[in-house]
Protein backbone atom coordinates (compact mmCIF):
# COMPACT_ATOMS: atom_id res chain seq x y z
CA MET A 1 -105.22 -185.86 0.88
CA GLU A 2 -105.05 -188.89 -1.43
CA HIS A 3 -101.53 -189.61 -0.25
CA PHE A 4 -102.64 -189.29 3.39
CA ALA A 5 -105.69 -191.53 2.81
CA GLY A 6 -103.49 -194.16 1.21
CA HIS A 7 -101.14 -193.89 4.16
CA LEU A 8 -104.05 -194.44 6.59
CA GLU A 9 -105.15 -197.55 4.68
CA GLU A 10 -101.66 -198.97 4.95
CA ILE A 11 -101.58 -198.15 8.67
CA PHE A 12 -104.99 -199.85 9.14
CA LEU A 13 -103.76 -203.07 7.55
CA THR A 14 -100.47 -202.91 9.38
CA VAL A 15 -102.18 -202.61 12.80
CA GLU A 16 -103.93 -205.93 12.10
CA GLU A 17 -100.64 -207.54 11.08
CA ASN A 18 -98.83 -206.15 14.11
CA PHE A 19 -101.58 -207.37 16.46
CA GLY A 20 -101.13 -210.92 15.17
CA ARG A 21 -97.38 -210.62 15.47
CA ARG A 22 -97.53 -209.26 19.04
CA GLU A 23 -100.15 -211.86 20.09
CA GLN A 24 -97.95 -214.64 18.76
CA HIS A 25 -94.97 -213.09 20.51
CA LEU A 26 -96.86 -212.94 23.83
CA GLU A 27 -98.14 -216.52 23.54
CA GLN A 28 -94.68 -217.80 22.80
CA HIS A 29 -93.25 -216.01 25.83
CA TYR A 30 -95.91 -217.41 28.19
CA ASN A 31 -95.54 -220.91 26.76
CA ASP A 32 -91.81 -220.71 27.42
CA VAL A 33 -92.46 -219.56 31.01
CA LEU A 34 -95.00 -222.34 31.63
CA GLN A 35 -92.68 -224.94 30.16
CA THR A 36 -89.85 -223.77 32.37
CA LEU A 37 -92.08 -223.79 35.48
CA SER A 38 -93.37 -227.28 34.67
CA GLN A 39 -89.78 -228.50 34.32
CA ARG A 40 -88.85 -226.95 37.66
CA TYR A 41 -91.94 -228.57 39.31
CA ASP A 42 -90.97 -231.99 37.99
CA GLU A 43 -87.40 -231.53 39.26
CA ARG A 44 -88.52 -230.37 42.74
CA SER A 45 -91.18 -233.12 43.01
CA ALA A 46 -88.64 -235.82 42.12
CA GLY A 47 -86.26 -234.43 44.77
CA LEU A 48 -88.92 -234.52 47.44
CA GLU A 49 -89.80 -238.10 46.49
CA GLU A 50 -86.18 -239.19 46.87
CA GLU A 51 -85.90 -237.40 50.23
CA LYS A 52 -89.09 -239.09 51.47
CA LYS A 53 -87.84 -242.50 50.38
CA GLY A 54 -84.56 -241.99 52.19
CA LYS A 55 -86.27 -240.94 55.41
CA LEU A 56 -88.66 -243.91 55.36
CA GLU A 57 -85.85 -246.39 54.71
CA SER A 58 -83.81 -244.95 57.55
CA LEU A 59 -86.76 -245.09 59.96
CA TYR A 60 -87.63 -248.65 58.89
CA SER A 61 -84.07 -249.83 59.47
CA GLN A 62 -84.04 -248.20 62.92
CA LEU A 63 -87.45 -249.71 63.71
CA PHE A 64 -86.25 -253.19 62.63
CA ALA A 65 -83.11 -252.88 64.78
CA CYS A 66 -85.19 -251.83 67.78
CA GLY A 67 -87.46 -254.84 67.31
CA GLN A 68 -84.51 -257.24 67.20
CA ALA A 69 -83.02 -255.64 70.33
CA MET A 70 -86.34 -255.89 72.14
CA ASP A 71 -86.73 -259.58 71.21
CA ALA A 72 -83.21 -260.37 72.46
CA SER A 73 -83.81 -258.45 75.71
CA LYS A 74 -87.08 -260.25 76.31
CA GLU A 75 -85.40 -263.65 75.74
CA LEU A 76 -82.58 -262.82 78.22
CA ILE A 77 -85.06 -261.53 80.83
CA GLU A 78 -87.13 -264.69 80.55
CA MET A 79 -83.96 -266.86 80.82
CA ALA A 80 -82.78 -264.92 83.88
CA GLN A 81 -86.16 -265.21 85.54
CA GLU A 82 -86.20 -268.97 84.94
CA ILE A 83 -82.71 -269.41 86.45
CA HIS A 84 -83.72 -267.22 89.41
CA ARG A 85 -86.75 -269.39 90.13
CA SER A 86 -84.67 -272.57 90.18
CA GLN A 87 -84.58 -274.22 93.74
CA ASP A 88 -81.66 -276.45 92.92
CA LYS A 89 -78.52 -274.54 93.77
CA ARG A 90 -76.39 -276.79 91.68
CA VAL A 91 -78.54 -276.09 88.62
CA PHE A 92 -78.51 -272.34 89.45
CA LEU A 93 -74.70 -272.18 89.65
CA LYS A 94 -74.37 -274.25 86.59
CA ALA A 95 -76.65 -271.93 84.42
CA VAL A 96 -75.95 -268.54 85.95
CA MET A 97 -72.44 -268.02 84.52
CA SER A 98 -73.45 -268.65 80.96
CA ALA A 99 -76.44 -266.31 81.37
CA ILE A 100 -74.22 -263.57 82.80
CA LYS A 101 -71.89 -263.88 79.79
CA ARG A 102 -74.81 -263.61 77.38
CA ILE A 103 -76.11 -260.50 79.17
CA GLU A 104 -72.62 -258.96 79.11
CA GLU A 105 -72.31 -259.65 75.37
CA PHE A 106 -75.75 -258.09 74.76
CA ALA A 107 -74.87 -255.04 76.86
CA LYS A 108 -71.76 -254.38 74.77
CA ASP A 109 -74.00 -253.19 71.86
CA GLU A 110 -75.52 -249.92 73.06
CA ILE A 111 -78.90 -249.34 71.51
CA ASP A 112 -79.32 -245.87 69.80
CA LEU A 113 -82.66 -244.59 70.90
CA THR A 114 -82.49 -241.27 68.95
CA LEU A 115 -84.21 -240.67 65.61
CA ALA A 116 -81.98 -241.59 62.68
CA THR A 117 -83.52 -238.93 60.38
CA ASN A 118 -84.97 -235.42 60.54
CA LEU A 119 -88.70 -235.37 60.23
CA GLU A 120 -88.60 -231.99 58.36
CA PHE A 121 -88.07 -232.00 54.61
CA ASN A 122 -85.28 -229.93 53.09
CA THR A 123 -86.98 -227.15 51.05
CA PRO A 124 -84.30 -224.75 49.75
CA LEU A 125 -85.42 -221.58 48.01
CA ALA A 126 -86.02 -222.20 44.33
CA ASP A 127 -83.83 -220.29 41.89
CA LEU A 128 -86.42 -218.76 39.58
CA SER A 129 -84.23 -215.92 38.32
CA ASP A 130 -84.40 -217.22 34.77
CA VAL A 131 -88.19 -217.43 35.03
CA LYS A 132 -88.28 -213.86 36.32
CA THR A 133 -86.12 -212.78 33.39
CA MET A 134 -88.49 -214.51 31.03
CA MET A 135 -91.49 -212.88 32.68
CA ASP A 136 -89.84 -209.48 32.52
CA SER A 137 -88.99 -210.00 28.86
CA ILE A 138 -92.69 -210.32 28.07
CA ASN A 139 -93.07 -206.61 28.73
CA VAL A 140 -89.87 -205.57 26.88
CA ILE A 141 -90.65 -203.72 23.63
CA PRO A 142 -89.25 -205.38 20.51
CA ALA A 143 -86.70 -203.66 18.28
CA PRO A 144 -88.43 -201.50 15.62
CA SER A 145 -89.17 -202.79 12.17
CA ALA A 146 -87.53 -201.15 9.16
CA PRO A 147 -88.93 -197.67 8.37
CA VAL A 148 -90.25 -196.90 4.89
CA ILE A 149 -88.71 -193.81 3.31
CA ASN A 150 -91.22 -191.86 1.22
CA PRO A 151 -90.60 -190.91 -2.42
CA GLN A 152 -89.63 -187.32 -3.02
CA ILE A 153 -92.56 -184.97 -3.58
CA LEU A 154 -92.57 -181.80 -5.64
CA ASN A 155 -91.37 -178.57 -4.00
CA SER A 156 -89.74 -180.50 -1.15
CA ALA A 157 -86.25 -179.23 -1.93
CA THR A 158 -84.18 -176.10 -2.44
CA GLN A 159 -80.85 -175.56 -4.14
CA THR A 160 -78.97 -176.74 -1.06
CA SER A 161 -81.50 -178.69 1.04
CA LEU A 162 -83.86 -181.67 0.95
CA ARG A 163 -86.92 -182.32 3.11
CA VAL A 164 -87.09 -186.08 3.64
CA CYS A 165 -90.07 -187.93 5.16
CA TRP A 166 -90.52 -191.56 6.16
CA SER A 167 -93.10 -193.79 7.83
CA LEU A 168 -93.03 -196.57 10.41
CA PHE A 169 -95.89 -198.81 9.29
CA SER A 170 -96.40 -200.36 12.73
CA ASP A 171 -97.05 -199.49 16.36
CA ASP A 172 -93.37 -199.90 17.22
CA THR A 173 -91.88 -197.67 19.88
CA VAL A 174 -88.99 -195.57 18.59
CA GLU A 175 -86.62 -193.42 20.61
CA TYR A 176 -84.92 -191.74 17.63
CA TYR A 177 -84.13 -192.13 13.93
CA GLU A 178 -80.86 -191.87 12.03
CA LEU A 179 -80.99 -190.59 8.45
CA TYR A 180 -78.04 -191.46 6.21
CA TYR A 181 -77.33 -189.70 2.91
CA ARG A 182 -74.63 -189.43 0.29
CA PRO A 183 -74.32 -187.85 -3.16
CA VAL A 184 -74.73 -190.02 -6.25
CA LEU A 185 -71.98 -188.93 -8.62
CA GLU A 186 -72.11 -189.51 -12.37
CA ASP A 187 -69.02 -191.74 -12.34
CA THR A 188 -70.07 -193.58 -9.16
CA PRO A 189 -72.65 -196.42 -9.22
CA VAL A 190 -75.66 -196.01 -6.94
CA ASP A 191 -74.71 -199.08 -4.87
CA SER A 192 -71.09 -198.00 -4.45
CA THR A 193 -69.78 -197.43 -0.92
CA SER A 194 -66.97 -195.10 -1.95
CA ALA A 195 -68.98 -191.89 -1.52
CA HIS A 196 -68.81 -190.27 1.92
CA VAL A 197 -71.91 -191.05 4.01
CA ASN A 198 -73.38 -188.35 6.25
CA LYS A 199 -75.73 -189.01 9.19
CA VAL A 200 -78.39 -186.97 10.96
CA LYS A 201 -80.08 -188.01 14.25
CA VAL A 202 -83.70 -186.88 14.71
CA LYS A 203 -86.75 -187.79 16.80
CA GLU A 204 -89.40 -186.98 14.16
CA THR A 205 -90.29 -188.88 11.01
CA HIS A 206 -88.99 -186.07 8.85
CA CYS A 207 -85.78 -184.16 8.46
CA THR A 208 -84.37 -181.29 6.37
CA VAL A 209 -80.84 -182.01 5.15
CA THR A 210 -78.80 -178.89 4.37
CA ASP A 211 -75.47 -177.84 2.83
CA LEU A 212 -76.05 -179.86 -0.35
CA LEU A 213 -75.07 -179.29 -3.97
CA PRO A 214 -77.63 -177.83 -6.41
CA ASN A 215 -79.28 -180.10 -9.00
CA ALA A 216 -77.58 -183.12 -7.44
CA GLN A 217 -78.95 -186.58 -6.76
CA TYR A 218 -78.64 -188.01 -3.25
CA GLU A 219 -79.19 -191.53 -1.94
CA LEU A 220 -80.93 -191.69 1.46
CA TRP A 221 -81.95 -194.37 3.94
CA VAL A 222 -83.09 -194.38 7.58
CA THR A 223 -82.99 -196.62 10.67
CA ALA A 224 -85.10 -196.56 13.87
CA THR A 225 -83.71 -197.16 17.38
CA ASN A 226 -85.28 -197.90 20.78
CA THR A 227 -84.00 -199.32 24.09
CA THR A 228 -84.06 -202.86 22.69
CA GLY A 229 -82.08 -202.29 19.51
CA ILE A 230 -81.80 -200.84 16.01
CA SER A 231 -84.15 -201.64 13.16
CA PRO A 232 -83.00 -202.87 9.76
CA ALA A 233 -82.28 -200.02 7.32
CA SER A 234 -85.08 -198.82 5.07
CA GLU A 235 -84.93 -199.26 1.33
CA LYS A 236 -82.71 -196.60 -0.25
CA ALA A 237 -84.45 -193.67 -1.95
CA LEU A 238 -83.15 -191.10 -4.44
CA TYR A 239 -83.84 -187.40 -3.88
CA MET A 240 -82.68 -184.40 -5.90
CA THR A 241 -81.97 -180.82 -4.92
CA VAL A 242 -83.47 -178.18 -7.18
CA PRO A 243 -81.27 -176.66 -9.90
CA SER A 244 -79.38 -173.39 -9.85
CA PRO A 245 -81.12 -170.52 -11.66
CA PRO A 246 -80.48 -170.43 -15.42
CA VAL A 247 -78.55 -167.55 -16.98
CA ILE A 248 -80.37 -165.74 -19.79
CA LYS A 249 -78.08 -164.93 -22.73
CA GLN A 250 -79.37 -161.44 -23.45
CA SER A 251 -77.07 -161.00 -26.44
CA GLU A 252 -78.77 -163.98 -28.11
CA CYS A 253 -82.39 -162.97 -27.43
CA SER A 254 -84.51 -161.41 -30.15
CA SER A 255 -88.03 -160.07 -30.42
CA CYS A 256 -90.69 -158.59 -32.67
CA PRO A 257 -94.12 -156.99 -32.07
CA GLU A 258 -95.68 -160.44 -31.82
CA ALA A 259 -93.18 -162.54 -29.90
CA ALA A 260 -89.80 -162.89 -28.21
CA LEU A 261 -87.19 -165.63 -28.55
CA ILE A 262 -85.40 -166.15 -25.22
CA ARG A 263 -82.19 -168.16 -24.98
CA TRP A 264 -80.37 -169.12 -21.80
CA GLU A 265 -77.70 -171.33 -20.30
CA SER A 266 -78.71 -174.05 -17.86
CA GLY A 267 -76.38 -172.92 -15.08
CA ASN A 268 -76.18 -176.56 -13.92
CA THR A 269 -73.62 -179.28 -14.52
CA ASN A 270 -76.18 -182.11 -14.53
CA PRO A 271 -79.15 -182.07 -16.92
CA VAL A 272 -82.49 -180.76 -15.66
CA ASP A 273 -85.96 -182.08 -16.47
CA SER A 274 -87.35 -178.91 -18.06
CA TYR A 275 -87.55 -175.14 -17.81
CA THR A 276 -90.31 -172.68 -16.99
CA VAL A 277 -90.35 -169.26 -18.64
CA GLU A 278 -92.19 -166.53 -16.70
CA PHE A 279 -93.14 -163.14 -18.09
CA ARG A 280 -95.12 -160.22 -16.74
CA GLU A 281 -96.05 -156.91 -18.33
CA MET A 282 -94.53 -153.63 -17.19
CA GLY A 283 -96.42 -150.38 -16.97
CA THR A 284 -95.30 -147.09 -18.45
CA ASP A 285 -93.74 -146.15 -15.10
CA SER A 286 -91.69 -149.40 -15.09
CA THR A 287 -93.95 -151.02 -12.49
CA GLN A 288 -95.23 -154.55 -12.92
CA THR A 289 -98.85 -154.91 -13.96
CA GLY A 290 -101.14 -157.93 -14.13
CA VAL A 291 -100.22 -161.49 -13.24
CA THR A 292 -97.17 -163.52 -14.10
CA GLU A 293 -97.74 -165.88 -17.00
CA SER A 294 -95.72 -169.04 -17.44
CA ILE A 295 -94.69 -171.45 -20.15
CA VAL A 296 -93.90 -174.79 -18.53
CA ALA A 297 -92.12 -177.99 -19.58
CA VAL A 298 -89.77 -176.24 -21.99
CA PRO A 299 -87.38 -179.07 -22.98
CA ASN A 300 -84.33 -177.08 -24.08
CA CYS A 301 -82.59 -173.76 -23.49
CA GLN A 302 -84.75 -171.53 -25.64
CA SER A 303 -88.40 -170.58 -25.92
CA LEU A 304 -90.50 -168.58 -28.37
CA ILE A 305 -93.07 -166.56 -26.40
CA GLN A 306 -96.19 -165.04 -27.96
CA LEU A 307 -96.63 -161.45 -26.73
CA GLN A 308 -98.75 -158.38 -27.41
CA ALA A 309 -97.42 -155.55 -29.55
CA GLY A 310 -96.29 -152.25 -28.10
CA ARG A 311 -95.65 -153.56 -24.58
CA ARG A 312 -92.71 -154.04 -22.25
CA TYR A 313 -92.17 -157.30 -20.40
CA LEU A 314 -89.96 -158.64 -17.64
CA ILE A 315 -88.91 -162.18 -18.53
CA SER A 316 -87.16 -164.77 -16.34
CA VAL A 317 -86.49 -168.51 -16.45
CA ARG A 318 -86.53 -171.30 -13.88
CA ALA A 319 -84.93 -174.73 -14.18
CA VAL A 320 -87.08 -177.64 -12.96
CA ASN A 321 -86.33 -181.17 -11.80
CA ILE A 322 -88.13 -183.65 -9.55
CA GLY A 323 -87.24 -181.54 -6.51
CA GLY A 324 -89.07 -178.52 -7.89
CA PRO A 325 -88.27 -175.26 -9.70
CA SER A 326 -85.14 -173.23 -9.13
CA ASN A 327 -85.13 -169.59 -8.15
CA ARG A 328 -85.83 -167.19 -10.99
CA SER A 329 -82.99 -166.10 -13.21
CA GLU A 330 -82.16 -162.45 -13.40
CA ASP A 331 -84.90 -160.60 -15.30
CA ILE A 332 -84.40 -159.17 -18.75
CA THR A 333 -86.59 -156.48 -20.27
CA VAL A 334 -88.14 -157.14 -23.68
CA SER A 335 -89.97 -154.51 -25.72
CA THR A 336 -92.41 -155.45 -28.47
CA THR A 337 -92.38 -152.00 -30.07
CA GLY A 338 -90.40 -153.29 -33.03
CA THR A 339 -88.09 -156.03 -34.24
CA PHE A 340 -84.95 -156.49 -32.13
CA PHE A 341 -81.96 -158.70 -32.92
CA HIS A 342 -78.20 -158.98 -32.42
CA LEU A 343 -75.47 -159.65 -34.94
CA LEU A 344 -74.14 -163.18 -35.22
CA GLU A 345 -70.46 -162.58 -34.67
CA ASP A 346 -69.55 -166.17 -35.53
CA THR A 347 -70.67 -165.45 -39.12
CA ALA A 348 -68.61 -162.26 -39.48
CA HIS A 349 -65.82 -162.04 -42.03
CA PRO A 350 -62.43 -161.78 -40.22
CA SER A 351 -61.96 -158.25 -41.60
CA LEU A 352 -65.08 -157.09 -39.76
CA SER A 353 -65.08 -155.96 -36.17
CA VAL A 354 -68.17 -155.43 -34.06
CA SER A 355 -68.65 -152.67 -31.51
CA ALA A 356 -69.11 -153.40 -27.80
CA ASP A 357 -72.88 -152.82 -28.01
CA GLY A 358 -73.08 -155.28 -30.92
CA PHE A 359 -74.82 -152.96 -33.41
CA THR A 360 -72.00 -151.28 -35.38
CA ILE A 361 -69.61 -153.06 -37.71
CA PHE A 362 -66.29 -151.76 -39.01
CA ASN A 363 -64.20 -152.70 -42.01
CA GLY A 364 -60.58 -151.65 -41.39
CA ASP A 365 -58.08 -150.47 -43.96
CA GLU A 366 -55.95 -153.63 -43.81
CA GLU A 367 -56.91 -156.65 -45.86
CA LEU A 368 -56.03 -159.98 -44.31
CA PRO A 369 -54.89 -162.75 -46.65
CA ILE A 370 -57.33 -165.63 -46.75
CA SER A 371 -54.62 -168.06 -45.58
CA ALA A 372 -54.13 -166.00 -42.40
CA MET A 373 -57.81 -166.05 -41.45
CA ALA A 374 -59.17 -168.43 -38.86
CA LEU A 375 -62.27 -169.57 -40.71
CA ASP A 376 -64.99 -172.09 -40.13
CA ASP A 377 -67.97 -173.24 -42.17
CA ASN A 378 -70.19 -170.49 -40.76
CA THR A 379 -67.88 -167.56 -41.51
CA PHE A 380 -68.10 -165.39 -44.66
CA THR A 381 -64.90 -165.79 -46.65
CA ARG A 382 -65.36 -163.64 -49.75
CA CYS A 383 -67.97 -161.01 -48.93
CA VAL A 384 -67.01 -158.92 -45.86
CA ALA A 385 -70.39 -159.61 -44.30
CA VAL A 386 -72.21 -160.63 -41.14
CA LEU A 387 -75.73 -162.00 -40.44
CA GLY A 388 -78.23 -160.85 -37.84
CA ASP A 389 -80.15 -163.16 -35.51
CA LEU A 390 -83.73 -162.38 -36.57
CA ILE A 391 -86.53 -163.97 -34.55
CA PRO A 392 -88.12 -166.88 -36.51
CA VAL A 393 -91.64 -165.47 -36.70
CA ARG A 394 -93.47 -165.19 -40.04
CA GLY A 395 -94.81 -161.71 -39.44
CA ARG A 396 -93.62 -158.18 -40.22
CA HIS A 397 -90.13 -157.01 -39.30
CA TYR A 398 -88.52 -153.62 -39.65
CA TRP A 399 -85.06 -152.22 -38.95
CA GLU A 400 -82.90 -149.35 -40.14
CA ILE A 401 -79.30 -148.94 -41.21
CA GLU A 402 -77.14 -145.84 -40.90
CA VAL A 403 -74.01 -145.66 -43.05
CA ASP A 404 -71.43 -143.06 -44.10
CA GLU A 405 -71.76 -141.54 -47.56
CA ALA A 406 -68.33 -142.75 -48.64
CA THR A 407 -68.94 -146.36 -47.60
CA GLU A 408 -69.85 -149.07 -50.09
CA PHE A 409 -72.20 -151.59 -48.56
CA ARG A 410 -74.71 -154.37 -49.10
CA ILE A 411 -77.78 -154.72 -46.86
CA GLY A 412 -80.74 -157.06 -47.06
CA VAL A 413 -81.70 -160.58 -46.02
CA ALA A 414 -80.38 -164.06 -46.67
CA TYR A 415 -81.17 -167.64 -45.79
CA GLU A 416 -79.16 -168.97 -42.86
CA ASP A 417 -77.37 -171.44 -45.16
CA THR A 418 -76.48 -168.88 -47.83
CA GLU A 419 -73.12 -169.53 -49.42
CA ARG A 420 -70.30 -168.07 -47.34
CA ASN A 421 -67.88 -167.84 -50.26
CA SER A 422 -70.27 -165.81 -52.41
CA TYR A 423 -71.26 -162.14 -52.44
CA LEU A 424 -74.63 -161.10 -51.02
CA GLY A 425 -77.14 -160.72 -53.85
CA ALA A 426 -75.04 -162.78 -56.24
CA ASN A 427 -76.97 -165.97 -55.49
CA ASN A 428 -80.56 -167.14 -55.10
CA THR A 429 -80.34 -167.36 -51.30
CA SER A 430 -79.87 -163.63 -50.60
CA TRP A 431 -81.55 -160.31 -51.46
CA CYS A 432 -79.73 -157.04 -50.97
CA MET A 433 -79.42 -153.35 -51.72
CA ARG A 434 -75.90 -152.47 -52.85
CA HIS A 435 -74.21 -149.05 -52.77
CA ILE A 436 -71.31 -148.45 -55.17
CA LEU A 437 -69.18 -145.32 -55.45
CA THR A 438 -68.39 -144.29 -59.06
CA PRO A 439 -66.38 -141.28 -60.20
CA SER A 440 -69.60 -139.54 -61.25
CA ARG A 441 -72.29 -140.64 -58.80
CA HIS A 442 -73.63 -142.94 -56.10
CA LYS A 443 -74.91 -146.09 -57.72
CA TYR A 444 -77.49 -148.37 -56.12
CA GLU A 445 -78.37 -151.93 -57.11
CA PHE A 446 -81.04 -154.26 -55.77
CA LEU A 447 -79.54 -157.71 -56.27
CA HIS A 448 -80.95 -161.22 -56.18
CA GLY A 449 -79.35 -164.06 -58.11
CA GLY A 450 -76.83 -161.60 -59.52
CA TRP A 451 -79.51 -159.57 -61.33
CA SER A 452 -80.71 -156.02 -60.54
CA PRO A 453 -83.45 -153.87 -62.09
CA ASP A 454 -82.31 -150.65 -63.74
CA LEU A 455 -83.08 -148.07 -61.08
CA ARG A 456 -81.60 -144.69 -60.33
CA ILE A 457 -81.83 -143.02 -56.92
CA THR A 458 -81.31 -139.28 -57.08
CA VAL A 459 -80.97 -138.54 -53.36
CA ASN A 460 -78.32 -140.45 -51.46
CA PRO A 461 -80.06 -141.98 -48.37
CA GLU A 462 -78.11 -141.67 -45.14
CA ARG A 463 -80.53 -143.88 -43.16
CA ILE A 464 -82.22 -146.80 -44.87
CA GLY A 465 -85.28 -148.62 -43.62
CA VAL A 466 -85.78 -152.33 -44.38
CA ALA A 467 -89.28 -153.82 -44.15
CA LEU A 468 -89.72 -157.61 -44.34
CA ASP A 469 -93.25 -158.97 -44.72
CA TYR A 470 -93.49 -162.77 -44.78
CA GLN A 471 -97.26 -162.84 -45.43
CA ARG A 472 -97.06 -160.61 -48.50
CA GLY A 473 -93.70 -161.99 -49.57
CA THR A 474 -92.03 -158.59 -49.80
CA LEU A 475 -88.71 -157.03 -48.86
CA ALA A 476 -88.83 -153.22 -49.15
CA PHE A 477 -86.19 -150.49 -48.80
CA PHE A 478 -86.86 -146.86 -47.85
CA ASN A 479 -85.07 -143.54 -47.48
CA VAL A 480 -86.07 -142.85 -43.89
CA GLU A 481 -85.47 -139.11 -43.89
CA LEU A 482 -87.61 -138.57 -46.98
CA GLU A 483 -90.05 -141.42 -46.21
CA GLN A 484 -89.29 -142.42 -49.78
CA HIS A 485 -89.81 -145.91 -51.17
CA LEU A 486 -86.69 -147.16 -52.98
CA HIS A 487 -87.44 -150.72 -54.11
CA THR A 488 -89.43 -153.83 -53.15
CA PHE A 489 -88.49 -157.45 -53.84
CA GLN A 490 -91.50 -159.67 -54.51
CA CYS A 491 -90.52 -163.14 -53.37
CA HIS A 492 -91.78 -166.27 -51.66
CA PHE A 493 -89.52 -167.05 -48.72
CA GLN A 494 -89.37 -170.82 -48.39
CA HIS A 495 -87.46 -170.61 -45.11
CA TYR A 496 -86.81 -168.06 -42.44
CA VAL A 497 -84.35 -165.35 -43.52
CA LEU A 498 -81.78 -163.40 -41.52
CA PRO A 499 -80.71 -159.75 -41.91
CA CYS A 500 -77.37 -159.44 -43.68
CA PHE A 501 -74.85 -156.58 -43.79
CA ALA A 502 -71.62 -156.19 -45.74
CA LEU A 503 -68.97 -153.48 -46.16
CA ASP A 504 -67.23 -153.55 -49.54
CA ASN A 505 -64.67 -150.91 -48.55
CA PRO A 506 -63.35 -149.46 -45.27
CA GLY A 507 -66.02 -147.77 -43.24
CA ALA A 508 -68.70 -148.29 -40.58
CA LEU A 509 -72.33 -149.39 -40.60
CA THR A 510 -74.76 -149.10 -37.69
CA VAL A 511 -77.92 -151.15 -37.24
CA HIS A 512 -80.94 -149.60 -35.50
CA ASN A 513 -83.55 -152.11 -34.42
CA GLY A 514 -86.22 -152.42 -31.81
CA ILE A 515 -87.90 -149.36 -33.29
CA GLU A 516 -91.52 -149.05 -34.33
CA ALA A 517 -92.10 -149.46 -38.05
CA PRO A 518 -93.38 -146.27 -39.75
CA GLU A 519 -96.84 -146.40 -41.26
CA TYR A 520 -95.55 -146.23 -44.86
CA ALA A 521 -93.28 -149.30 -44.42
CA PHE A 522 -96.04 -151.89 -44.93
CA ILE A 523 -98.51 -150.03 -47.18
């Protein structure tokens, strides 16, 4: 409504401006017509004056000649009458011959007694075709003024289309519009003419352009055409199509009873403005319940979502730019029954292999020489170990480990930057439970900084529970089958820790997570 009201105000002012422009245009046309008519009047009036002058001069000359002829005739008549009245025959004969000669000479010049000029004036039809053209042009509509293309508004685009609107801030008559558009490529300047220009012809002041690229910027401009001509082009405007849906990386998502950490890939070549994470609770029968909640303006490709414990959620992500949000990504299901994480394969020692589901690790019989290993700074080099991607939430976390009786292992937690060329538990950045096979018994150590309390476990645990409590600063180990407490580290974790697992001899170790912590784990 505000946009429309502003548009009306601009139209109101423009009507006043256009009235003045049209009034000036009309006055100029009529002044030109009047000037042309006045010039034609002066030309015709001067012609008539010249024609009148010529006629009068011709008539005057003829009148003067007639007067002279009449005077000469009168003189000859009087002379002849005088000779005729003479009584003296000698005088008569003497004068009559000369008189006859004079009369004969006079008679030789025949007097023209017809009018020397036409009394009617020559009045040819005036050629006023140019005046008619000028008069007709008064009613010809002017070519349109340049349209004004509107800025892009939110939700005016899809992945492959743009809805473009423009205004003609005048009362100009328009027969049709032509909308031009072309993509703005990263390596092509906005004012470059090298990109292919497309054109759409429409009669309305809006148009939907289709068959476009997702999350791409387009330059658009428009012209207006009527029977008189084409308007100047509008100012160029930049529009963007909405992005493609992101792709959630399910193998990199983790959760706990309080929250979920969702990671995704953009799915777009060009950067987007932000992301929106949407989540909705699922009922026990896998139906959706309640409303969809959203976290908006997420700046990067991950988000930590606060959730309620013991629930199941459907989570999706949208990418957002100025054109609007993309379609939703494919949903993933997140359970907040317990702590859920994946193993970080990029930290795994080269001798370790990880199962297809990502929860079992194997240490083969062959030992690879260190020189033959493709190592990086994040890979364990001495301890045959791997880290887990625990959600960074300072709450309670619980998971379980299942391992063969004949396998020597180390399980626990470590800081993300724990030394990769050291054994777990041998430094101050890791805490672990170690199983060692001796000729006489199964030996267990609980190591931190290379030191372990003197403890003896009489029953060999086949499934071990690990309970991490940030608030209390504890890391506890349990024999799950017997619900037996084995040992608890009392510590103050300065940073977030990650689960760690190592196999000191050939064997297999399976991680069970996403399970509800037993009541005894956090007593």
